[in-house]
C-alpha atoms as a PDB file:
ATOM      1  CA  MET A   1     -16.963 -11.853  -6.796  1.00  0.00           C
ATOM      2  CA  GLU A   2     -18.559 -14.811  -5.287  1.00  0.00           C
ATOM      3  CA  ASP A   3     -16.296 -17.072  -7.618  1.00  0.00           C
ATOM      4  CA  LEU A   4     -12.895 -15.115  -6.853  1.00  0.00           C
ATOM      5  CA  LEU A   5     -13.600 -15.033  -2.892  1.00  0.00           C
ATOM      6  CA  ASN A   6     -14.412 -18.949  -3.305  1.00  0.00           C
ATOM      7  CA  PHE A   7     -11.147 -19.173  -5.240  1.00  0.00           C
ATOM      8  CA  ILE A   8      -8.669 -17.187  -2.713  1.00  0.00           C
ATOM      9  CA  GLN A   9     -10.200 -18.648   0.242  1.00  0.00           C
ATOM     10  CA  THR A  10      -9.592 -22.398  -1.262  1.00  0.00           C
ATOM     11  CA  HIS A  11      -6.355 -21.720  -2.788  1.00  0.00           C
ATOM     12  CA  LEU A  12      -4.982 -19.405  -0.616  1.00  0.00           C
ATOM     13  CA  TYR A  13      -6.408 -18.799   2.931  1.00  0.00           C
ATOM     14  CA  GLU A  14      -7.824 -22.498   3.459  1.00  0.00           C
ATOM     15  CA  PRO A  15      -3.928 -23.977   3.311  1.00  0.00           C
ATOM     16  CA  CYS A  16      -2.621 -21.089   6.180  1.00  0.00           C
ATOM     17  CA  HIS A  17      -6.065 -21.963   8.406  1.00  0.00           C
ATOM     18  CA  LEU A  18      -7.062 -18.391   7.541  1.00  0.00           C
ATOM     19  CA  LYS A  19     -10.993 -17.751   6.794  1.00  0.00           C
ATOM     20  CA  ILE A  20     -13.019 -14.795   5.758  1.00  0.00           C
ATOM     21  CA  GLU A  21     -15.685 -13.759   7.927  1.00  0.00           C
ATOM     22  CA  ALA A  22     -17.887 -10.971   8.305  1.00  0.00           C
ATOM     23  CA  LEU A  23     -17.861 -10.014   4.283  1.00  0.00           C
ATOM     24  CA  LYS A  24     -19.677  -7.217   3.253  1.00  0.00           C
ATOM     25  CA  PRO A  25     -19.926  -6.529  -0.607  1.00  0.00           C
ATOM     26  CA  GLY A  26     -18.993  -3.007  -1.413  1.00  0.00           C
ATOM     27  CA  SER A  27     -22.395  -1.108  -2.365  1.00  0.00           C
ATOM     28  CA  GLU A  28     -20.118   0.594  -5.195  1.00  0.00           C
ATOM     29  CA  GLY A  29     -16.996  -0.650  -7.280  1.00  0.00           C
ATOM     30  CA  LYS A  30     -18.674  -3.946  -8.328  1.00  0.00           C
ATOM     31  CA  GLU A  31     -16.195  -3.917 -11.361  1.00  0.00           C
ATOM     32  CA  TYR A  32     -13.354  -3.788  -9.164  1.00  0.00           C
ATOM     33  CA  HIS A  33     -15.022  -6.378  -6.875  1.00  0.00           C
ATOM     34  CA  ALA A  34     -15.072  -4.244  -4.108  1.00  0.00           C
ATOM     35  CA  CYS A  35     -15.644  -5.817  -0.504  1.00  0.00           C
ATOM     36  CA  GLU A  36     -14.374  -5.760   3.208  1.00  0.00           C
ATOM     37  CA  PHE A  37     -14.082  -8.793   5.709  1.00  0.00           C
ATOM     38  CA  GLU A  38     -11.973  -9.969   8.268  1.00  0.00           C
ATOM     39  CA  LEU A  39      -9.354 -12.335   8.270  1.00  0.00           C
ATOM     40  CA  ASN A  40      -8.560 -13.929  11.602  1.00  0.00           C
ATOM     41  CA  GLY A  41      -9.037 -10.800  13.177  1.00  0.00           C
ATOM     42  CA  SER A  42      -7.182  -8.119  10.774  1.00  0.00           C
ATOM     43  CA  ARG A  43      -9.711  -5.789   8.891  1.00  0.00           C
ATOM     44  CA  ILE A  44      -9.342  -6.373   5.261  1.00  0.00           C
ATOM     45  CA  ILE A  45     -10.283  -3.907   1.970  1.00  0.00           C
ATOM     46  CA  SER A  46     -10.385  -6.027  -0.911  1.00  0.00           C
ATOM     47  CA  ARG A  47      -9.961  -5.166  -4.672  1.00  0.00           C
ATOM     48  CA  THR A  48      -9.449  -6.824  -8.136  1.00  0.00           C
ATOM     49  CA  ALA A  49      -7.281  -4.586 -10.145  1.00  0.00           C
ATOM     50  CA  ARG A  50      -8.054  -4.507 -14.324  1.00  0.00           C
ATOM     51  CA  ILE A  51      -5.694  -4.556 -16.797  1.00  0.00           C
ATOM     52  CA  THR A  52      -6.015  -1.224 -19.314  1.00  0.00           C
ATOM     53  CA  PRO A  53      -5.504  -1.701 -22.710  1.00  0.00           C
ATOM     54  CA  LYS A  54      -2.404   1.121 -23.213  1.00  0.00           C
ATOM     55  CA  LYS A  55      -0.325   0.910 -20.089  1.00  0.00           C
ATOM     56  CA  THR A  56       1.765  -1.681 -18.375  1.00  0.00           C
ATOM     57  CA  GLY A  57       0.744  -2.721 -14.898  1.00  0.00           C
ATOM     58  CA  GLN A  58      -3.211  -2.714 -13.721  1.00  0.00           C
ATOM     59  CA  PHE A  59      -5.265   0.290 -12.276  1.00  0.00           C
ATOM     60  CA  VAL A  60      -7.268  -0.466  -9.402  1.00  0.00           C
ATOM     61  CA  THR A  61      -9.666   2.009  -7.535  1.00  0.00           C
ATOM     62  CA  CYS A  62      -9.295   2.441  -3.308  1.00  0.00           C
ATOM     63  CA  TRP A  63     -11.990   5.341  -2.217  1.00  0.00           C
ATOM     64  CA  LYS A  64     -15.212   5.607  -0.403  1.00  0.00           C
ATOM     65  CA  ARG A  65     -18.166   8.513  -0.373  1.00  0.00           C
ATOM     66  CA  ASP A  66     -17.865  11.132   2.306  1.00  0.00           C
ATOM     67  CA  LYS A  67     -20.914  11.994   4.033  1.00  0.00           C
ATOM     68  CA  ASP A  68     -22.012  14.485   1.302  1.00  0.00           C
ATOM     69  CA  GLY A  69     -21.709  11.306  -1.395  1.00  0.00           C
ATOM     70  CA  ILE A  70     -18.711  12.710  -2.867  1.00  0.00           C
ATOM     71  CA  THR A  71     -15.452  10.259  -3.470  1.00  0.00           C
ATOM     72  CA  THR A  72     -12.522  10.586  -1.427  1.00  0.00           C
ATOM     73  CA  PRO A  73      -9.286   8.791  -0.310  1.00  0.00           C
ATOM     74  CA  PHE A  74      -9.548   6.183   2.175  1.00  0.00           C
ATOM     75  CA  CYS A  75      -7.564   7.928   5.256  1.00  0.00           C
ATOM     76  CA  GLU A  76      -5.961   7.168   8.210  1.00  0.00           C
ATOM     77  CA  HIS A  77      -8.731   7.083  10.518  1.00  0.00           C
ATOM     78  CA  ASP A  78     -10.519   4.547   8.457  1.00  0.00           C
ATOM     79  CA  THR A  79     -11.005   1.054  10.144  1.00  0.00           C
ATOM     80  CA  PHE A  80      -8.721  -1.586   8.068  1.00  0.00           C
ATOM     81  CA  ASP A  81      -5.498  -3.246   8.887  1.00  0.00           C
ATOM     82  CA  TYR A  82      -4.556  -4.245   4.853  1.00  0.00           C
ATOM     83  CA  LEU A  83      -5.840  -3.395   1.658  1.00  0.00           C
ATOM     84  CA  VAL A  84      -5.755  -6.643  -0.527  1.00  0.00           C
ATOM     85  CA  ILE A  85      -5.796  -5.963  -4.383  1.00  0.00           C
ATOM     86  CA  ASN A  86      -6.432  -9.072  -6.327  1.00  0.00           C
ATOM     87  CA  ILE A  87      -4.339  -9.383  -9.553  1.00  0.00           C
ATOM     88  CA  ARG A  88      -4.495 -11.751 -12.608  1.00  0.00           C
ATOM     89  CA  LYS A  89      -3.298 -11.818 -16.075  1.00  0.00           C
ATOM     90  CA  GLU A  90      -4.065 -15.304 -18.339  1.00  0.00           C
ATOM     91  CA  ASP A  91      -3.187 -17.852 -15.777  1.00  0.00           C
ATOM     92  CA  ALA A  92      -1.018 -15.971 -13.372  1.00  0.00           C
ATOM     93  CA  PHE A  93      -2.603 -14.832 -10.243  1.00  0.00           C
ATOM     94  CA  GLY A  94      -1.628 -12.708  -6.976  1.00  0.00           C
ATOM     95  CA  GLN A  95      -2.611 -10.643  -3.769  1.00  0.00           C
ATOM     96  CA  PHE A  96      -1.152  -7.285  -2.959  1.00  0.00           C
ATOM     97  CA  VAL A  97      -1.163  -7.104   0.334  1.00  0.00           C
ATOM     98  CA  PHE A  98      -0.803  -3.501   1.851  1.00  0.00           C
ATOM     99  CA  PRO A  99      -0.794  -2.841   5.331  1.00  0.00           C
ATOM    100  CA  LYS A 100      -2.362   0.407   5.998  1.00  0.00           C
ATOM    101  CA  SER A 101       0.743   2.194   7.091  1.00  0.00           C
ATOM    102  CA  ALA A 102       2.638   1.504   4.076  1.00  0.00           C
ATOM    103  CA  LEU A 103      -0.184   2.964   2.143  1.00  0.00           C
ATOM    104  CA  ILE A 104       0.269   6.137   4.607  1.00  0.00           C
ATOM    105  CA  ASP A 105       3.978   6.527   3.953  1.00  0.00           C
ATOM    106  CA  LYS A 106       3.214   6.659   0.119  1.00  0.00           C
ATOM    107  CA  GLY A 107       0.437   8.867   0.343  1.00  0.00           C
ATOM    108  CA  ILE A 108      -2.080   6.703  -1.188  1.00  0.00           C
ATOM    109  CA  VAL A 109      -3.923   6.796   2.320  1.00  0.00           C
ATOM    110  CA  SER A 110      -4.644  10.374   3.265  1.00  0.00           C
ATOM    111  CA  ALA A 111      -3.121  11.796   6.366  1.00  0.00           C
ATOM    112  CA  ARG A 112      -2.636  14.673   8.291  1.00  0.00           C
ATOM    113  CA  GLU A 113      -2.941  17.510   5.980  1.00  0.00           C
ATOM    114  CA  LYS A 114      -1.899  15.282   2.483  1.00  0.00           C
ATOM    115  CA  GLU A 115      -4.828  13.730   0.301  1.00  0.00           C
ATOM    116  CA  GLY A 116      -4.353  10.212  -0.439  1.00  0.00           C
ATOM    117  CA  LYS A 117      -5.435   8.925  -4.068  1.00  0.00           C
ATOM    118  CA  ARG A 118      -8.915   7.334  -5.423  1.00  0.00           C
ATOM    119  CA  GLY A 119      -7.126   4.521  -7.164  1.00  0.00           C
ATOM    120  CA  PHE A 120      -3.473   3.972  -8.341  1.00  0.00           C
ATOM    121  CA  ARG A 121      -1.432   1.395 -10.201  1.00  0.00           C
ATOM    122  CA  VAL A 122       0.100  -2.043  -9.273  1.00  0.00           C
ATOM    123  CA  TYR A 123       3.092  -3.618 -11.121  1.00  0.00           C
ATOM    124  CA  PRO A 124       2.851  -7.474 -10.385  1.00  0.00           C
ATOM    125  CA  ALA A 125       6.387  -9.394 -10.693  1.00  0.00           C
ATOM    126  CA  TRP A 126       5.390 -10.640 -14.083  1.00  0.00           C
ATOM    127  CA  ASP A 127       4.884  -7.462 -15.532  1.00  0.00           C
ATOM    128  CA  ILE A 128       8.260  -5.209 -17.230  1.00  0.00           C
ATOM    129  CA  PRO A 129       7.438  -1.179 -16.297  1.00  0.00           C
ATOM    130  CA  GLY A 130       7.960   0.997 -19.504  1.00  0.00           C
ATOM    131  CA  ASN A 131       9.266   3.960 -17.581  1.00  0.00           C
ATOM    132  CA  LYS A 132      11.460   5.318 -14.144  1.00  0.00           C
ATOM    133  CA  GLN A 133       8.807   5.968 -12.075  1.00  0.00           C
ATOM    134  CA  ALA A 134       6.905   2.773 -12.695  1.00  0.00           C
ATOM    135  CA  GLU A 135      10.071   0.825 -11.951  1.00  0.00           C
ATOM    136  CA  LYS A 136      10.375   2.913  -8.690  1.00  0.00           C
ATOM    137  CA  THR A 137       6.738   1.807  -7.773  1.00  0.00           C
ATOM    138  CA  GLN A 138       7.153  -1.824  -8.609  1.00  0.00           C
ATOM    139  CA  LYS A 139      10.217  -2.239  -6.558  1.00  0.00           C
ATOM    140  CA  TRP A 140       8.341  -0.870  -3.389  1.00  0.00           C
ATOM    141  CA  GLN A 141       5.404  -2.725  -4.204  1.00  0.00           C
ATOM    142  CA  LEU A 142       6.949  -6.172  -4.706  1.00  0.00           C
ATOM    143  CA  ASP A 143       7.885  -6.023  -0.872  1.00  0.00           C
ATOM    144  CA  TYR A 144       4.128  -7.105  -0.334  1.00  0.00           C
ATOM    145  CA  PHE A 145       3.233  -8.836  -3.423  1.00  0.00           C
ATOM    146  CA  TYR A 146       2.365 -12.922  -3.212  1.00  0.00           C
ATOM    147  CA  GLN A 147       1.865 -14.733  -6.363  1.00  0.00           C
ATOM    148  CA  LEU A 148      -0.053 -18.206  -6.211  1.00  0.00           C
ATOM    149  CA  GLU A 149       1.963 -20.958  -7.392  1.00  0.00           C
ATOM    150  CA  GLU A 150       1.079 -24.756  -7.363  1.00  0.00           C
ATOM    151  CA  THR A 151       3.744 -24.709  -4.511  1.00  0.00           C
ATOM    152  CA  ALA A 152       2.693 -21.362  -2.630  1.00  0.00           C
ATOM    153  CA  ASN A 153       4.542 -20.335   0.528  1.00  0.00           C
ATOM    154  CA  THR A 154       1.375 -20.417   2.321  1.00  0.00           C
ATOM    155  CA  GLY A 155       3.746 -20.297   5.686  1.00  0.00           C
ATOM    156  CA  THR A 156       4.277 -16.483   4.751  1.00  0.00           C
ATOM    157  CA  LEU A 157       1.121 -15.756   3.858  1.00  0.00           C
ATOM    158  CA  PHE A 158      -0.336 -16.670   7.383  1.00  0.00           C
ATOM    159  CA  LYS A 159       2.370 -15.033   8.950  1.00  0.00           C
ATOM    160  CA  LEU A 160       1.351 -11.756   7.153  1.00  0.00           C
ATOM    161  CA  TYR A 161      -2.182 -11.854   8.225  1.00  0.00           C
ATOM    162  CA  SER A 162      -1.746 -13.032  11.950  1.00  0.00           C
ATOM    163  CA  ASN A 163      -2.539 -11.092  15.078  1.00  0.00           C
ATOM    164  CA  SER A 164       1.203 -11.169  16.143  1.00  0.00           C
ATOM    165  CA  TYR A 165       2.430  -9.611  13.012  1.00  0.00           C
END
């Protein structure tokens, strides 16, 4: 996880004058590089998606343990602003930066009487979904996707994370 965060800090956040602070590695979900941190005042939950052998897109977990030790989806009352999902395939790297409000709207974060999800698939721009549901999911997710390129638009990323956003 440390190598990944160093890469992200160097190639994405530093050019935008953003700094990872108050880093707390997740006690569970190590294979998804689970952690929490602050980024210029925004509270971030971070995960890394994984390629699965039989489906397009990548899978990521997004759960916590309740007071009884049972896995449960994140909820609207949890203290975070964004769920950041790092995604890589061969030489391509990007991040989904989902605001909590978008995740509530899509039923991923629990709200009111509707239970959220403990995991879901993400479809970066380089993937071609194989069915209508995946296409529909990719369409809304791409509004929150940022691909790192040699000439990355760091101004857009900075705007996204700034407190005035």
